[in-house]
Amino acid sequence: MQVKIVNKSKNPLPRYESAQAAGMDIRCSLSEPVTLQPLERRLFPTGLYIELPAGYEAQIRPRSGMALKRGITVLNTPGTIDADYRGEIGVILVNLSSEPVIIEDGERICQMVIAKHEQPQLVEVDILGETERGAGGFGHSGVK
């Protein structure tokens, strides 16, 4: 599969960092560094525009290293980029740490996973089929 991409940033194209990686790293495109204060959220531009094939989406996900080491995560994770969207990819980051964090131009701020999806037809019914689990959820199976 090929995905068309326009890169209006000064940064290299996204790429997979290992042979088996599911996500490719996305960099921010900034004219100057941005300081994210504790609990502050902000939309970061990437300078990237993509054209996905019908039936696919791009999922924007946090980078685990940024989350663990700096307390930075993607707020609406996973963010979804639909196949018919042609605008710039923007990434909403939030600082969950207790310290200000500086984000630099070209910094890898998230990862993007391209995934196939379906648009099922919903069929309204009065009852659903029975299962052993039933309506159990939110910890119904216990702690251990």
N, C-alpha and C. Protein backbone atom coordinates (compact mmCIF):
# COMPACT_ATOMS: atom_id res chain seq x y z
N MET A 1 0.84 -1.17 0.00
CA MET A 1 0.00 0.00 0.00
C MET A 1 0.89 1.24 0.00
N GLN A 2 0.47 2.25 -0.72
CA GLN A 2 1.16 3.52 -0.73
C GLN A 2 0.25 4.60 -0.17
N VAL A 3 0.83 5.54 0.56
CA VAL A 3 0.10 6.69 1.10
C VAL A 3 0.81 7.94 0.60
N LYS A 4 0.06 8.80 -0.06
CA LYS A 4 0.63 10.06 -0.55
C LYS A 4 0.78 11.01 0.63
N ILE A 5 1.91 11.74 0.66
CA ILE A 5 2.18 12.66 1.76
C ILE A 5 2.81 13.95 1.22
N VAL A 6 2.37 15.08 1.75
CA VAL A 6 2.97 16.37 1.48
C VAL A 6 3.67 16.79 2.76
N ASN A 7 4.93 17.19 2.64
CA ASN A 7 5.73 17.60 3.79
C ASN A 7 6.09 19.08 3.65
N LYS A 8 5.40 19.95 4.39
CA LYS A 8 5.69 21.38 4.36
C LYS A 8 6.59 21.80 5.53
N SER A 9 7.11 20.83 6.26
CA SER A 9 8.02 21.11 7.37
C SER A 9 9.46 21.05 6.88
N LYS A 10 10.39 21.37 7.77
CA LYS A 10 11.82 21.24 7.47
C LYS A 10 12.33 19.87 7.92
N ASN A 11 11.45 19.03 8.43
CA ASN A 11 11.83 17.76 9.02
C ASN A 11 11.73 16.62 8.01
N PRO A 12 12.44 15.52 8.27
CA PRO A 12 12.33 14.37 7.38
C PRO A 12 10.93 13.75 7.45
N LEU A 13 10.59 12.96 6.44
CA LEU A 13 9.32 12.24 6.44
C LEU A 13 9.24 11.29 7.64
N PRO A 14 8.03 11.01 8.12
CA PRO A 14 7.88 10.00 9.18
C PRO A 14 8.47 8.68 8.71
N ARG A 15 8.97 7.90 9.67
CA ARG A 15 9.53 6.60 9.31
C ARG A 15 9.38 5.64 10.48
N TYR A 16 9.44 4.36 10.14
CA TYR A 16 9.42 3.31 11.15
C TYR A 16 10.84 3.18 11.70
N GLU A 17 10.96 3.13 13.02
CA GLU A 17 12.28 3.09 13.66
C GLU A 17 12.82 1.68 13.81
N SER A 18 12.01 0.67 13.51
CA SER A 18 12.50 -0.71 13.52
C SER A 18 11.72 -1.51 12.48
N ALA A 19 12.24 -2.66 12.12
CA ALA A 19 11.65 -3.48 11.06
C ALA A 19 10.23 -3.94 11.39
N GLN A 20 9.91 -4.12 12.65
CA GLN A 20 8.60 -4.63 13.04
C GLN A 20 7.71 -3.58 13.69
N ALA A 21 8.10 -2.32 13.62
CA ALA A 21 7.33 -1.24 14.26
C ALA A 21 5.96 -1.10 13.61
N ALA A 22 4.93 -0.90 14.43
CA ALA A 22 3.57 -0.66 13.93
C ALA A 22 3.36 0.82 13.64
N GLY A 23 4.04 1.68 14.39
CA GLY A 23 3.86 3.12 14.24
C GLY A 23 5.11 3.80 13.75
N MET A 24 4.90 4.86 12.97
CA MET A 24 6.02 5.69 12.52
C MET A 24 6.02 6.97 13.32
N ASP A 25 7.20 7.45 13.67
CA ASP A 25 7.31 8.65 14.49
C ASP A 25 7.00 9.90 13.68
N ILE A 26 6.23 10.81 14.30
CA ILE A 26 5.84 12.09 13.70
C ILE A 26 6.53 13.20 14.49
N ARG A 27 7.08 14.16 13.76
CA ARG A 27 7.78 15.30 14.38
C ARG A 27 6.92 16.55 14.33
N CYS A 28 7.11 17.44 15.30
CA CYS A 28 6.41 18.72 15.27
C CYS A 28 7.16 19.70 14.40
N SER A 29 6.44 20.66 13.86
CA SER A 29 7.02 21.68 12.98
C SER A 29 6.77 23.04 13.63
N LEU A 30 7.80 23.58 14.28
CA LEU A 30 7.67 24.81 15.05
C LEU A 30 8.66 25.86 14.57
N SER A 31 8.27 27.13 14.64
CA SER A 31 9.20 28.21 14.30
C SER A 31 10.09 28.54 15.49
N GLU A 32 9.65 28.18 16.70
CA GLU A 32 10.44 28.37 17.92
C GLU A 32 9.97 27.36 18.96
N PRO A 33 10.81 27.05 19.95
CA PRO A 33 10.40 26.10 20.98
C PRO A 33 9.13 26.56 21.71
N VAL A 34 8.36 25.58 22.18
CA VAL A 34 7.13 25.85 22.93
C VAL A 34 7.27 25.22 24.31
N THR A 35 6.94 25.98 25.34
CA THR A 35 6.94 25.46 26.71
C THR A 35 5.52 25.09 27.08
N LEU A 36 5.33 23.82 27.43
CA LEU A 36 4.04 23.34 27.92
C LEU A 36 4.10 23.35 29.44
N GLN A 37 3.24 24.12 30.05
CA GLN A 37 3.17 24.18 31.50
C GLN A 37 2.45 22.94 32.04
N PRO A 38 2.61 22.62 33.32
CA PRO A 38 1.88 21.48 33.89
C PRO A 38 0.38 21.60 33.64
N LEU A 39 -0.22 20.52 33.17
CA LEU A 39 -1.64 20.39 32.83
C LEU A 39 -2.08 21.24 31.64
N GLU A 40 -1.14 21.88 30.97
CA GLU A 40 -1.49 22.65 29.76
C GLU A 40 -1.58 21.71 28.56
N ARG A 41 -2.52 21.99 27.67
CA ARG A 41 -2.67 21.25 26.42
C ARG A 41 -2.55 22.24 25.27
N ARG A 42 -2.02 21.75 24.15
CA ARG A 42 -1.82 22.62 23.00
C ARG A 42 -1.80 21.78 21.72
N LEU A 43 -2.29 22.37 20.65
CA LEU A 43 -2.25 21.73 19.33
C LEU A 43 -0.90 22.04 18.68
N PHE A 44 -0.17 20.98 18.30
CA PHE A 44 1.13 21.13 17.68
C PHE A 44 1.03 20.80 16.19
N PRO A 45 1.53 21.70 15.35
CA PRO A 45 1.54 21.43 13.91
C PRO A 45 2.65 20.46 13.54
N THR A 46 2.45 19.75 12.44
CA THR A 46 3.47 18.81 11.95
C THR A 46 3.98 19.18 10.56
N GLY A 47 3.23 19.99 9.83
CA GLY A 47 3.59 20.30 8.45
C GLY A 47 3.30 19.15 7.50
N LEU A 48 2.60 18.12 7.97
CA LEU A 48 2.31 16.93 7.16
C LEU A 48 0.84 16.88 6.75
N TYR A 49 0.63 16.44 5.53
CA TYR A 49 -0.71 16.25 4.95
C TYR A 49 -0.68 14.90 4.25
N ILE A 50 -1.70 14.06 4.49
CA ILE A 50 -1.69 12.73 3.88
C ILE A 50 -2.98 12.45 3.12
N GLU A 51 -2.88 11.52 2.19
CA GLU A 51 -4.03 11.03 1.43
C GLU A 51 -4.09 9.53 1.62
N LEU A 52 -5.01 9.11 2.49
CA LEU A 52 -5.16 7.69 2.79
C LEU A 52 -6.12 7.03 1.81
N PRO A 53 -5.92 5.75 1.51
CA PRO A 53 -6.89 5.03 0.69
C PRO A 53 -8.21 4.86 1.46
N ALA A 54 -9.32 4.77 0.74
CA ALA A 54 -10.62 4.51 1.37
C ALA A 54 -10.54 3.22 2.18
N GLY A 55 -11.16 3.22 3.34
CA GLY A 55 -11.15 2.04 4.21
C GLY A 55 -9.99 2.00 5.19
N TYR A 56 -9.19 3.09 5.22
CA TYR A 56 -8.07 3.17 6.15
C TYR A 56 -8.17 4.44 6.99
N GLU A 57 -7.55 4.40 8.15
CA GLU A 57 -7.43 5.56 9.01
C GLU A 57 -5.99 5.65 9.50
N ALA A 58 -5.60 6.83 9.93
CA ALA A 58 -4.32 7.00 10.61
C ALA A 58 -4.63 7.28 12.06
N GLN A 59 -4.03 6.52 12.96
CA GLN A 59 -4.22 6.71 14.39
C GLN A 59 -3.00 7.42 14.96
N ILE A 60 -3.24 8.49 15.70
CA ILE A 60 -2.16 9.24 16.34
C ILE A 60 -2.10 8.81 17.80
N ARG A 61 -0.94 8.29 18.19
CA ARG A 61 -0.78 7.71 19.52
C ARG A 61 0.43 8.33 20.23
N PRO A 62 0.45 8.25 21.57
CA PRO A 62 1.60 8.77 22.31
C PRO A 62 2.86 7.96 22.05
N ARG A 63 3.98 8.57 22.32
CA ARG A 63 5.27 7.86 22.35
C ARG A 63 5.53 7.50 23.80
N SER A 64 5.82 6.24 24.06
CA SER A 64 5.96 5.79 25.44
C SER A 64 7.11 6.48 26.17
N GLY A 65 8.20 6.76 25.49
CA GLY A 65 9.34 7.43 26.12
C GLY A 65 8.99 8.82 26.60
N MET A 66 8.24 9.57 25.79
CA MET A 66 7.82 10.92 26.20
C MET A 66 6.89 10.86 27.41
N ALA A 67 6.01 9.87 27.41
CA ALA A 67 5.08 9.73 28.52
C ALA A 67 5.81 9.39 29.82
N LEU A 68 6.70 8.42 29.76
CA LEU A 68 7.41 7.98 30.96
C LEU A 68 8.44 9.01 31.44
N LYS A 69 9.26 9.51 30.54
CA LYS A 69 10.38 10.37 30.94
C LYS A 69 9.98 11.83 31.17
N ARG A 70 8.94 12.30 30.43
CA ARG A 70 8.63 13.73 30.51
C ARG A 70 7.19 14.04 30.88
N GLY A 71 6.33 13.02 30.96
CA GLY A 71 4.94 13.25 31.33
C GLY A 71 4.10 13.85 30.21
N ILE A 72 4.55 13.73 28.96
CA ILE A 72 3.83 14.29 27.82
C ILE A 72 3.10 13.17 27.10
N THR A 73 1.81 13.39 26.82
CA THR A 73 1.02 12.39 26.10
C THR A 73 0.09 13.07 25.11
N VAL A 74 -0.48 12.27 24.24
CA VAL A 74 -1.48 12.75 23.28
C VAL A 74 -2.82 12.75 24.00
N LEU A 75 -3.48 13.90 24.02
CA LEU A 75 -4.69 14.05 24.83
C LEU A 75 -5.85 13.20 24.32
N ASN A 76 -6.11 13.19 23.05
CA ASN A 76 -7.26 12.45 22.51
C ASN A 76 -6.79 11.16 21.86
N THR A 77 -6.12 10.35 22.64
CA THR A 77 -5.51 9.17 22.06
C THR A 77 -6.46 7.99 21.97
N PRO A 78 -6.51 7.24 20.89
CA PRO A 78 -5.82 7.62 19.67
C PRO A 78 -6.63 8.65 18.89
N GLY A 79 -5.95 9.65 18.39
CA GLY A 79 -6.58 10.59 17.47
C GLY A 79 -6.76 9.90 16.14
N THR A 80 -7.85 10.19 15.45
CA THR A 80 -8.13 9.55 14.17
C THR A 80 -8.05 10.54 13.03
N ILE A 81 -7.33 10.17 11.98
CA ILE A 81 -7.31 10.93 10.75
C ILE A 81 -8.06 10.09 9.72
N ASP A 82 -9.18 10.62 9.24
CA ASP A 82 -10.02 9.90 8.29
C ASP A 82 -9.44 9.98 6.88
N ALA A 83 -9.82 9.02 6.04
CA ALA A 83 -9.29 8.94 4.68
C ALA A 83 -9.67 10.15 3.83
N ASP A 84 -10.75 10.84 4.17
CA ASP A 84 -11.16 12.00 3.36
C ASP A 84 -10.64 13.33 3.91
N TYR A 85 -9.84 13.31 4.96
CA TYR A 85 -9.28 14.55 5.53
C TYR A 85 -8.02 14.93 4.76
N ARG A 86 -7.91 16.20 4.36
CA ARG A 86 -6.75 16.66 3.60
C ARG A 86 -6.02 17.82 4.28
N GLY A 87 -6.41 18.17 5.50
CA GLY A 87 -5.74 19.25 6.21
C GLY A 87 -4.45 18.78 6.85
N GLU A 88 -3.76 19.73 7.48
CA GLU A 88 -2.52 19.42 8.18
C GLU A 88 -2.79 18.52 9.37
N ILE A 89 -1.90 17.57 9.59
CA ILE A 89 -1.98 16.72 10.78
C ILE A 89 -1.56 17.57 11.97
N GLY A 90 -2.44 17.71 12.94
CA GLY A 90 -2.15 18.39 14.19
C GLY A 90 -2.22 17.40 15.33
N VAL A 91 -1.41 17.62 16.35
CA VAL A 91 -1.33 16.68 17.48
C VAL A 91 -1.58 17.46 18.77
N ILE A 92 -2.57 17.03 19.54
CA ILE A 92 -2.87 17.67 20.82
C ILE A 92 -2.04 16.99 21.91
N LEU A 93 -1.08 17.74 22.43
CA LEU A 93 -0.25 17.23 23.53
C LEU A 93 -0.68 17.86 24.84
N VAL A 94 -0.52 17.11 25.92
CA VAL A 94 -0.80 17.61 27.26
C VAL A 94 0.38 17.24 28.16
N ASN A 95 0.71 18.17 29.05
CA ASN A 95 1.79 17.96 30.01
C ASN A 95 1.18 17.49 31.33
N LEU A 96 1.33 16.22 31.63
CA LEU A 96 0.80 15.65 32.87
C LEU A 96 1.83 15.64 33.99
N SER A 97 2.98 16.23 33.76
CA SER A 97 4.01 16.28 34.80
C SER A 97 3.78 17.51 35.68
N SER A 98 4.59 17.65 36.70
CA SER A 98 4.49 18.81 37.60
C SER A 98 5.49 19.91 37.22
N GLU A 99 6.20 19.73 36.11
CA GLU A 99 7.21 20.69 35.66
C GLU A 99 6.91 21.17 34.24
N PRO A 100 7.30 22.39 33.89
CA PRO A 100 7.19 22.83 32.50
C PRO A 100 8.08 21.96 31.61
N VAL A 101 7.63 21.70 30.39
CA VAL A 101 8.38 20.88 29.44
C VAL A 101 8.51 21.67 28.13
N ILE A 102 9.73 21.73 27.62
CA ILE A 102 9.99 22.45 26.36
C ILE A 102 9.93 21.45 25.20
N ILE A 103 9.13 21.80 24.18
CA ILE A 103 9.02 21.00 22.97
C ILE A 103 9.75 21.76 21.86
N GLU A 104 10.70 21.10 21.21
CA GLU A 104 11.53 21.72 20.19
C GLU A 104 11.06 21.36 18.78
N ASP A 105 11.35 22.22 17.81
CA ASP A 105 11.08 21.91 16.41
C ASP A 105 11.78 20.61 16.03
N GLY A 106 11.07 19.75 15.32
CA GLY A 106 11.65 18.50 14.86
C GLY A 106 11.62 17.38 15.87
N GLU A 107 11.12 17.66 17.07
CA GLU A 107 11.05 16.62 18.10
C GLU A 107 9.97 15.60 17.73
N ARG A 108 10.28 14.33 17.95
CA ARG A 108 9.30 13.27 17.71
C ARG A 108 8.27 13.31 18.83
N ILE A 109 7.04 13.69 18.50
CA ILE A 109 6.03 13.95 19.53
C ILE A 109 4.95 12.88 19.62
N CYS A 110 4.84 12.02 18.62
CA CYS A 110 3.81 10.98 18.65
C CYS A 110 4.18 9.93 17.61
N GLN A 111 3.34 8.92 17.51
CA GLN A 111 3.50 7.95 16.44
C GLN A 111 2.18 7.80 15.69
N MET A 112 2.30 7.42 14.44
CA MET A 112 1.12 7.26 13.58
C MET A 112 1.05 5.82 13.10
N VAL A 113 -0.12 5.21 13.31
CA VAL A 113 -0.38 3.85 12.87
C VAL A 113 -1.45 3.91 11.79
N ILE A 114 -1.18 3.31 10.63
CA ILE A 114 -2.17 3.23 9.56
C ILE A 114 -2.91 1.91 9.74
N ALA A 115 -4.25 1.99 9.82
CA ALA A 115 -5.04 0.79 10.11
C ALA A 115 -6.27 0.72 9.20
N LYS A 116 -6.60 -0.49 8.82
CA LYS A 116 -7.81 -0.74 8.04
C LYS A 116 -9.01 -0.69 8.99
N HIS A 117 -10.13 -0.22 8.49
CA HIS A 117 -11.33 -0.19 9.32
C HIS A 117 -12.56 -0.51 8.49
N GLU A 118 -13.64 -0.80 9.15
CA GLU A 118 -14.93 -1.10 8.51
C GLU A 118 -15.96 -0.07 8.92
N GLN A 119 -16.97 0.10 8.12
CA GLN A 119 -18.15 0.90 8.48
C GLN A 119 -19.34 -0.04 8.47
N PRO A 120 -19.59 -0.71 9.61
CA PRO A 120 -20.69 -1.68 9.63
C PRO A 120 -22.05 -1.01 9.55
N GLN A 121 -22.99 -1.77 9.08
CA GLN A 121 -24.39 -1.32 9.08
C GLN A 121 -24.98 -1.71 10.44
N LEU A 122 -25.50 -0.73 11.17
CA LEU A 122 -26.10 -1.02 12.47
C LEU A 122 -27.52 -1.53 12.25
N VAL A 123 -27.85 -2.60 12.98
CA VAL A 123 -29.18 -3.20 12.90
C VAL A 123 -29.81 -3.09 14.27
N GLU A 124 -30.86 -2.29 14.39
CA GLU A 124 -31.51 -2.09 15.68
C GLU A 124 -32.37 -3.31 16.02
N VAL A 125 -32.17 -3.82 17.26
CA VAL A 125 -32.91 -4.97 17.74
C VAL A 125 -33.43 -4.66 19.14
N ASP A 126 -34.31 -5.52 19.66
CA ASP A 126 -34.83 -5.32 21.02
C ASP A 126 -33.99 -6.02 22.08
N ILE A 127 -33.34 -7.14 21.72
CA ILE A 127 -32.49 -7.85 22.67
C ILE A 127 -31.25 -8.36 21.95
N LEU A 128 -30.19 -8.60 22.71
CA LEU A 128 -28.95 -9.14 22.18
C LEU A 128 -28.80 -10.59 22.58
N GLY A 129 -27.96 -11.32 21.85
CA GLY A 129 -27.69 -12.70 22.19
C GLY A 129 -27.01 -12.83 23.55
N GLU A 130 -27.23 -13.96 24.20
CA GLU A 130 -26.68 -14.19 25.54
C GLU A 130 -25.24 -14.72 25.44
N THR A 131 -24.41 -14.36 26.44
CA THR A 131 -23.06 -14.91 26.58
C THR A 131 -22.82 -15.24 28.04
N GLU A 132 -21.78 -16.02 28.32
CA GLU A 132 -21.46 -16.35 29.71
C GLU A 132 -21.11 -15.08 30.49
N ARG A 133 -20.40 -14.16 29.87
CA ARG A 133 -19.99 -12.92 30.54
C ARG A 133 -21.17 -11.98 30.78
N GLY A 134 -22.07 -11.92 29.83
CA GLY A 134 -23.23 -11.03 29.98
C GLY A 134 -22.81 -9.57 30.00
N ALA A 135 -23.32 -8.81 30.94
CA ALA A 135 -23.05 -7.38 31.03
C ALA A 135 -21.88 -7.05 31.96
N GLY A 136 -21.15 -8.07 32.42
CA GLY A 136 -20.03 -7.83 33.33
C GLY A 136 -18.94 -7.01 32.67
N GLY A 137 -18.47 -6.00 33.36
CA GLY A 137 -17.42 -5.14 32.83
C GLY A 137 -16.79 -4.33 33.94
N PHE A 138 -15.81 -3.53 33.61
CA PHE A 138 -15.15 -2.63 34.55
C PHE A 138 -14.72 -3.34 35.83
N GLY A 139 -13.88 -4.38 35.65
CA GLY A 139 -13.32 -5.09 36.79
C GLY A 139 -14.11 -6.30 37.24
N HIS A 140 -15.06 -6.73 36.43
CA HIS A 140 -15.91 -7.85 36.85
C HIS A 140 -15.16 -9.14 37.05
N SER A 141 -13.97 -9.29 36.44
CA SER A 141 -13.24 -10.56 36.56
C SER A 141 -12.28 -10.58 37.75
N GLY A 142 -12.26 -9.52 38.54
CA GLY A 142 -11.42 -9.50 39.74
C GLY A 142 -10.06 -8.88 39.49
N VAL A 143 -9.25 -8.84 40.57
CA VAL A 143 -7.95 -8.20 40.53
C VAL A 143 -6.87 -9.18 40.09
N LYS A 144 -6.97 -10.45 40.53
CA LYS A 144 -5.93 -11.45 40.22
C LYS A 144 -6.48 -12.58 39.43
